[in-house]
């Protein structure tokens, strides 16, 4: 799933306001992925709740520092 830039900007804003942390977006040939500089308590639930309204889900890496959207 490839998110539009305005959707990413809005999610980045929500995370910055709620957690005071930056969400990084990476755009590669194989698609997008997102990352954080450090683990954030509760972020997986927050992001999956956000994406559930669009029938999407975030798949997080084992270390919780990055995810893709499916």
PDB file of N, CA and C in Angstrom:
ATOM      1  N   UNK A   1       0.840  -1.182   0.000  1.00  0.00           N
ATOM      2  CA  UNK A   1       0.000   0.000   0.000  1.00  0.00           C
ATOM      3  C   UNK A   1       0.882   1.242   0.000  1.00  0.00           C
ATOM      4  N   UNK A   2       0.624   2.152  -0.894  1.00  0.00           N
ATOM      5  CA  UNK A   2       1.360   3.412  -0.955  1.00  0.00           C
ATOM      6  C   UNK A   2       0.428   4.525  -0.492  1.00  0.00           C
ATOM      7  N   UNK A   3       0.852   5.228   0.535  1.00  0.00           N
ATOM      8  CA  UNK A   3       0.059   6.333   1.072  1.00  0.00           C
ATOM      9  C   UNK A   3       0.380   7.620   0.326  1.00  0.00           C
ATOM     10  N   UNK A   4      -0.604   8.480   0.217  1.00  0.00           N
ATOM     11  CA  UNK A   4      -0.405   9.797  -0.394  1.00  0.00           C
ATOM     12  C   UNK A   4       0.349  10.694   0.584  1.00  0.00           C
ATOM     13  N   UNK A   5       1.066  11.667   0.038  1.00  0.00           N
ATOM     14  CA  UNK A   5       1.874  12.543   0.886  1.00  0.00           C
ATOM     15  C   UNK A   5       1.033  13.325   1.890  1.00  0.00           C
ATOM     16  N   UNK A   6      -0.166  13.763   1.522  1.00  0.00           N
ATOM     17  CA  UNK A   6      -0.980  14.509   2.476  1.00  0.00           C
ATOM     18  C   UNK A   6      -1.419  13.622   3.642  1.00  0.00           C
ATOM     19  N   UNK A   7      -1.631  12.319   3.394  1.00  0.00           N
ATOM     20  CA  UNK A   7      -1.961  11.387   4.469  1.00  0.00           C
ATOM     21  C   UNK A   7      -0.775  11.201   5.407  1.00  0.00           C
ATOM     22  N   UNK A   8       0.420  11.114   4.827  1.00  0.00           N
ATOM     23  CA  UNK A   8       1.634  10.945   5.628  1.00  0.00           C
ATOM     24  C   UNK A   8       1.890  12.186   6.476  1.00  0.00           C
ATOM     25  N   UNK A   9       1.732  13.346   5.893  1.00  0.00           N
ATOM     26  CA  UNK A   9       1.942  14.596   6.626  1.00  0.00           C
ATOM     27  C   UNK A   9       0.986  14.686   7.807  1.00  0.00           C
ATOM     28  N   UNK A  10      -0.266  14.299   7.600  1.00  0.00           N
ATOM     29  CA  UNK A  10      -1.251  14.340   8.680  1.00  0.00           C
ATOM     30  C   UNK A  10      -0.873  13.354   9.799  1.00  0.00           C
ATOM     31  N   UNK A  11      -0.471  12.131   9.445  1.00  0.00           N
ATOM     32  CA  UNK A  11      -0.071  11.154  10.450  1.00  0.00           C
ATOM     33  C   UNK A  11       1.172  11.627  11.201  1.00  0.00           C
ATOM     34  N   UNK A  12       2.140  12.196  10.496  1.00  0.00           N
ATOM     35  CA  UNK A  12       3.335  12.743  11.147  1.00  0.00           C
ATOM     36  C   UNK A  12       2.951  13.806  12.174  1.00  0.00           C
ATOM     37  N   UNK A  13       1.997  14.652  11.817  1.00  0.00           N
ATOM     38  CA  UNK A  13       1.538  15.710  12.717  1.00  0.00           C
ATOM     39  C   UNK A  13       0.877  15.122  13.958  1.00  0.00           C
ATOM     40  N   UNK A  14       0.031  14.120  13.774  1.00  0.00           N
ATOM     41  CA  UNK A  14      -0.631  13.482  14.912  1.00  0.00           C
ATOM     42  C   UNK A  14       0.376  12.876  15.887  1.00  0.00           C
ATOM     43  N   UNK A  15       1.370  12.184  15.341  1.00  0.00           N
ATOM     44  CA  UNK A  15       2.381  11.536  16.179  1.00  0.00           C
ATOM     45  C   UNK A  15       3.239  12.576  16.893  1.00  0.00           C
ATOM     46  N   UNK A  16       3.603  13.629  16.203  1.00  0.00           N
ATOM     47  CA  UNK A  16       4.395  14.686  16.834  1.00  0.00           C
ATOM     48  C   UNK A  16       3.624  15.337  17.971  1.00  0.00           C
ATOM     49  N   UNK A  17       2.331  15.592  17.762  1.00  0.00           N
ATOM     50  CA  UNK A  17       1.513  16.217  18.811  1.00  0.00           C
ATOM     51  C   UNK A  17       1.303  15.297  20.003  1.00  0.00           C
ATOM     52  N   UNK A  18       1.054  14.018  19.754  1.00  0.00           N
ATOM     53  CA  UNK A  18       0.734  13.083  20.839  1.00  0.00           C
ATOM     54  C   UNK A  18       1.975  12.570  21.559  1.00  0.00           C
ATOM     55  N   UNK A  19       3.044  12.268  20.819  1.00  0.00           N
ATOM     56  CA  UNK A  19       4.220  11.619  21.399  1.00  0.00           C
ATOM     57  C   UNK A  19       5.480  12.483  21.384  1.00  0.00           C
ATOM     58  N   UNK A  20       5.433  13.621  20.706  1.00  0.00           N
ATOM     59  CA  UNK A  20       6.598  14.485  20.545  1.00  0.00           C
ATOM     60  C   UNK A  20       7.770  13.726  19.903  1.00  0.00           C
ATOM     61  N   UNK A  21       7.434  12.871  18.934  1.00  0.00           N
ATOM     62  CA  UNK A  21       8.429  12.080  18.198  1.00  0.00           C
ATOM     63  C   UNK A  21       8.176  12.239  16.708  1.00  0.00           C
ATOM     64  N   UNK A  22       9.228  12.066  15.926  1.00  0.00           N
ATOM     65  CA  UNK A  22       9.125  12.193  14.475  1.00  0.00           C
ATOM     66  C   UNK A  22       8.939  10.835  13.807  1.00  0.00           C
ATOM     67  N   UNK A  23       8.045  10.801  12.857  1.00  0.00           N
ATOM     68  CA  UNK A  23       7.852   9.651  11.987  1.00  0.00           C
ATOM     69  C   UNK A  23       8.623   9.934  10.705  1.00  0.00           C
ATOM     70  N   UNK A  24       9.464   8.992  10.301  1.00  0.00           N
ATOM     71  CA  UNK A  24      10.242   9.135   9.078  1.00  0.00           C
ATOM     72  C   UNK A  24       9.624   8.267   7.986  1.00  0.00           C
ATOM     73  N   UNK A  25       9.511   8.816   6.795  1.00  0.00           N
ATOM     74  CA  UNK A  25       8.973   8.088   5.655  1.00  0.00           C
ATOM     75  C   UNK A  25      10.118   7.756   4.711  1.00  0.00           C
ATOM     76  N   UNK A  26      10.151   6.499   4.246  1.00  0.00           N
ATOM     77  CA  UNK A  26      11.168   6.040   3.309  1.00  0.00           C
ATOM     78  C   UNK A  26      10.450   5.519   2.074  1.00  0.00           C
ATOM     79  N   UNK A  27      10.846   6.006   0.932  1.00  0.00           N
ATOM     80  CA  UNK A  27      10.230   5.612  -0.326  1.00  0.00           C
ATOM     81  C   UNK A  27      11.273   4.861  -1.141  1.00  0.00           C
ATOM     82  N   UNK A  28      11.020   3.577  -1.370  1.00  0.00           N
ATOM     83  CA  UNK A  28      11.974   2.743  -2.101  1.00  0.00           C
ATOM     84  C   UNK A  28      11.300   2.150  -3.334  1.00  0.00           C
ATOM     85  N   UNK A  29      12.069   1.495  -4.149  1.00  0.00           N
ATOM     86  CA  UNK A  29      11.510   0.857  -5.344  1.00  0.00           C
ATOM     87  C   UNK A  29      10.430  -0.161  -4.995  1.00  0.00           C
ATOM     88  N   UNK A  30      10.595  -0.819  -3.869  1.00  0.00           N
ATOM     89  CA  UNK A  30       9.634  -1.853  -3.479  1.00  0.00           C
ATOM     90  C   UNK A  30       8.451  -1.291  -2.691  1.00  0.00           C
ATOM     91  N   UNK A  31       8.428   0.006  -2.413  1.00  0.00           N
ATOM     92  CA  UNK A  31       7.313   0.620  -1.709  1.00  0.00           C
ATOM     93  C   UNK A  31       7.769   1.517  -0.585  1.00  0.00           C
ATOM     94  N   UNK A  32       6.822   1.888   0.254  1.00  0.00           N
ATOM     95  CA  UNK A  32       7.102   2.777   1.375  1.00  0.00           C
ATOM     96  C   UNK A  32       7.288   1.973   2.664  1.00  0.00           C
ATOM     97  N   UNK A  33       8.097   2.543   3.540  1.00  0.00           N
ATOM     98  CA  UNK A  33       8.103   2.074   4.919  1.00  0.00           C
ATOM     99  C   UNK A  33       8.372   3.274   5.809  1.00  0.00           C
ATOM    100  N   UNK A  34       8.072   3.118   7.074  1.00  0.00           N
ATOM    101  CA  UNK A  34       8.128   4.218   8.027  1.00  0.00           C
ATOM    102  C   UNK A  34       8.963   3.790   9.214  1.00  0.00           C
ATOM    103  N   UNK A  35       9.621   4.765   9.855  1.00  0.00           N
ATOM    104  CA  UNK A  35      10.475   4.411  10.987  1.00  0.00           C
ATOM    105  C   UNK A  35      10.487   5.517  12.034  1.00  0.00           C
ATOM    106  N   UNK A  36      10.971   5.120  13.201  1.00  0.00           N
ATOM    107  CA  UNK A  36      11.162   6.020  14.343  1.00  0.00           C
ATOM    108  C   UNK A  36      12.610   5.915  14.801  1.00  0.00           C
ATOM    109  N   UNK A  37      13.099   6.946  15.481  1.00  0.00           N
ATOM    110  CA  UNK A  37      14.464   6.931  16.004  1.00  0.00           C
ATOM    111  C   UNK A  37      14.592   6.070  17.254  1.00  0.00           C
ATOM    112  N   UNK A  38      13.491   5.891  17.970  1.00  0.00           N
ATOM    113  CA  UNK A  38      13.497   5.102  19.198  1.00  0.00           C
ATOM    114  C   UNK A  38      12.128   4.457  19.382  1.00  0.00           C
ATOM    115  N   UNK A  39      12.063   3.472  20.272  1.00  0.00           N
ATOM    116  CA  UNK A  39      10.777   2.822  20.568  1.00  0.00           C
ATOM    117  C   UNK A  39       9.872   3.819  21.274  1.00  0.00           C
ATOM    118  N   UNK A  40       8.581   3.721  20.981  1.00  0.00           N
ATOM    119  CA  UNK A  40       7.591   4.615  21.565  1.00  0.00           C
ATOM    120  C   UNK A  40       6.483   3.750  22.171  1.00  0.00           C
ATOM    121  N   UNK A  41       6.305   3.838  23.472  1.00  0.00           N
ATOM    122  CA  UNK A  41       5.263   3.057  24.136  1.00  0.00           C
ATOM    123  C   UNK A  41       3.891   3.399  23.573  1.00  0.00           C
ATOM    124  N   UNK A  42       3.152   2.365  23.174  1.00  0.00           N
ATOM    125  CA  UNK A  42       1.788   2.536  22.704  1.00  0.00           C
ATOM    126  C   UNK A  42       1.643   2.926  21.246  1.00  0.00           C
ATOM    127  N   UNK A  43       2.732   3.119  20.536  1.00  0.00           N
ATOM    128  CA  UNK A  43       2.646   3.621  19.159  1.00  0.00           C
ATOM    129  C   UNK A  43       2.024   2.596  18.213  1.00  0.00           C
ATOM    130  N   UNK A  44       2.273   1.308  18.438  1.00  0.00           N
ATOM    131  CA  UNK A  44       1.699   0.298  17.545  1.00  0.00           C
ATOM    132  C   UNK A  44       0.175   0.329  17.615  1.00  0.00           C
ATOM    133  N   UNK A  45      -0.370   0.403  18.815  1.00  0.00           N
ATOM    134  CA  UNK A  45      -1.825   0.476  18.966  1.00  0.00           C
ATOM    135  C   UNK A  45      -2.378   1.754  18.355  1.00  0.00           C
ATOM    136  N   UNK A  46      -1.707   2.870  18.586  1.00  0.00           N
ATOM    137  CA  UNK A  46      -2.148   4.155  18.054  1.00  0.00           C
ATOM    138  C   UNK A  46      -2.203   4.116  16.530  1.00  0.00           C
ATOM    139  N   UNK A  47      -1.138   3.632  15.906  1.00  0.00           N
ATOM    140  CA  UNK A  47      -1.066   3.616  14.447  1.00  0.00           C
ATOM    141  C   UNK A  47      -2.077   2.629  13.861  1.00  0.00           C
ATOM    142  N   UNK A  48      -2.216   1.462  14.464  1.00  0.00           N
ATOM    143  CA  UNK A  48      -3.189   0.505  13.933  1.00  0.00           C
ATOM    144  C   UNK A  48      -4.620   0.987  14.119  1.00  0.00           C
ATOM    145  N   UNK A  49      -4.889   1.694  15.205  1.00  0.00           N
ATOM    146  CA  UNK A  49      -6.224   2.280  15.384  1.00  0.00           C
ATOM    147  C   UNK A  49      -6.470   3.331  14.301  1.00  0.00           C
ATOM    148  N   UNK A  50      -5.469   4.146  14.020  1.00  0.00           N
ATOM    149  CA  UNK A  50      -5.585   5.164  12.979  1.00  0.00           C
ATOM    150  C   UNK A  50      -5.874   4.514  11.619  1.00  0.00           C
ATOM    151  N   UNK A  51      -5.107   3.496  11.249  1.00  0.00           N
ATOM    152  CA  UNK A  51      -5.276   2.862   9.946  1.00  0.00           C
ATOM    153  C   UNK A  51      -6.528   1.999   9.846  1.00  0.00           C
ATOM    154  N   UNK A  52      -7.063   1.550  10.970  1.00  0.00           N
ATOM    155  CA  UNK A  52      -8.253   0.693  10.929  1.00  0.00           C
ATOM    156  C   UNK A  52      -9.442   1.405  10.289  1.00  0.00           C
ATOM    157  N   UNK A  53      -9.502   2.731  10.396  1.00  0.00           N
ATOM    158  CA  UNK A  53     -10.606   3.462   9.778  1.00  0.00           C
ATOM    159  C   UNK A  53     -10.558   3.390   8.252  1.00  0.00           C
ATOM    160  N   UNK A  54      -9.414   3.006   7.704  1.00  0.00           N
ATOM    161  CA  UNK A  54      -9.249   2.860   6.256  1.00  0.00           C
ATOM    162  C   UNK A  54      -9.140   1.385   5.854  1.00  0.00           C
ATOM    163  N   UNK A  55      -9.438   0.494   6.801  1.00  0.00           N
ATOM    164  CA  UNK A  55      -9.303  -0.950   6.580  1.00  0.00           C
ATOM    165  C   UNK A  55      -7.868  -1.335   6.210  1.00  0.00           C
ATOM    166  N   UNK A  56      -6.916  -0.650   6.824  1.00  0.00           N
ATOM    167  CA  UNK A  56      -5.501  -0.934   6.624  1.00  0.00           C
ATOM    168  C   UNK A  56      -4.885  -1.350   7.953  1.00  0.00           C
ATOM    169  N   UNK A  57      -3.688  -1.913   7.890  1.00  0.00           N
ATOM    170  CA  UNK A  57      -2.995  -2.352   9.092  1.00  0.00           C
ATOM    171  C   UNK A  57      -1.509  -2.080   8.943  1.00  0.00           C
ATOM    172  N   UNK A  58      -0.878  -1.697  10.035  1.00  0.00           N
ATOM    173  CA  UNK A  58       0.571  -1.505  10.046  1.00  0.00           C
ATOM    174  C   UNK A  58       1.225  -2.801  10.495  1.00  0.00           C
ATOM    175  N   UNK A  59       2.237  -3.210   9.780  1.00  0.00           N
ATOM    176  CA  UNK A  59       3.002  -4.396  10.147  1.00  0.00           C
ATOM    177  C   UNK A  59       4.357  -3.916  10.641  1.00  0.00           C
ATOM    178  N   UNK A  60       4.584  -4.075  11.955  1.00  0.00           N
ATOM    179  CA  UNK A  60       5.787  -3.567  12.603  1.00  0.00           C
ATOM    180  C   UNK A  60       6.920  -4.590  12.579  1.00  0.00           C
ATOM    181  N   UNK A  61       8.134  -4.071  12.520  1.00  0.00           N
ATOM    182  CA  UNK A  61       9.327  -4.913  12.632  1.00  0.00           C
ATOM    183  C   UNK A  61       9.405  -5.435  14.067  1.00  0.00           C
ATOM    184  N   UNK A  62      10.216  -6.458  14.264  1.00  0.00           N
ATOM    185  CA  UNK A  62      10.355  -7.056  15.602  1.00  0.00           C
ATOM    186  C   UNK A  62      10.842  -6.059  16.650  1.00  0.00           C
ATOM    187  N   UNK A  63      11.686  -5.122  16.234  1.00  0.00           N
ATOM    188  CA  UNK A  63      12.202  -4.143  17.200  1.00  0.00           C
ATOM    189  C   UNK A  63      11.248  -2.958  17.422  1.00  0.00           C
ATOM    190  N   UNK A  64      10.150  -2.895  16.666  1.00  0.00           N
ATOM    191  CA  UNK A  64       9.158  -1.839  16.836  1.00  0.00           C
ATOM    192  C   UNK A  64       9.575  -0.496  16.294  1.00  0.00           C
ATOM    193  N   UNK A  65      10.673  -0.438  15.562  1.00  0.00           N
ATOM    194  CA  UNK A  65      11.183   0.847  15.062  1.00  0.00           C
ATOM    195  C   UNK A  65      10.731   1.186  13.653  1.00  0.00           C
ATOM    196  N   UNK A  66      10.168   0.221  12.939  1.00  0.00           N
ATOM    197  CA  UNK A  66       9.723   0.505  11.581  1.00  0.00           C
ATOM    198  C   UNK A  66       8.473  -0.313  11.268  1.00  0.00           C
ATOM    199  N   UNK A  67       7.741   0.151  10.245  1.00  0.00           N
ATOM    200  CA  UNK A  67       6.537  -0.561   9.827  1.00  0.00           C
ATOM    201  C   UNK A  67       6.218  -0.271   8.377  1.00  0.00           C
ATOM    202  N   UNK A  68       5.428  -1.177   7.809  1.00  0.00           N
ATOM    203  CA  UNK A  68       4.850  -0.985   6.491  1.00  0.00           C
ATOM    204  C   UNK A  68       3.329  -0.967   6.673  1.00  0.00           C
ATOM    205  N   UNK A  69       2.625  -0.506   5.663  1.00  0.00           N
ATOM    206  CA  UNK A  69       1.174  -0.448   5.716  1.00  0.00           C
ATOM    207  C   UNK A  69       0.613  -1.422   4.704  1.00  0.00           C
ATOM    208  N   UNK A  70      -0.305  -2.248   5.165  1.00  0.00           N
ATOM    209  CA  UNK A  70      -0.921  -3.259   4.289  1.00  0.00           C
ATOM    210  C   UNK A  70      -2.424  -3.090   4.272  1.00  0.00           C
TER     211      UNK A  70
END
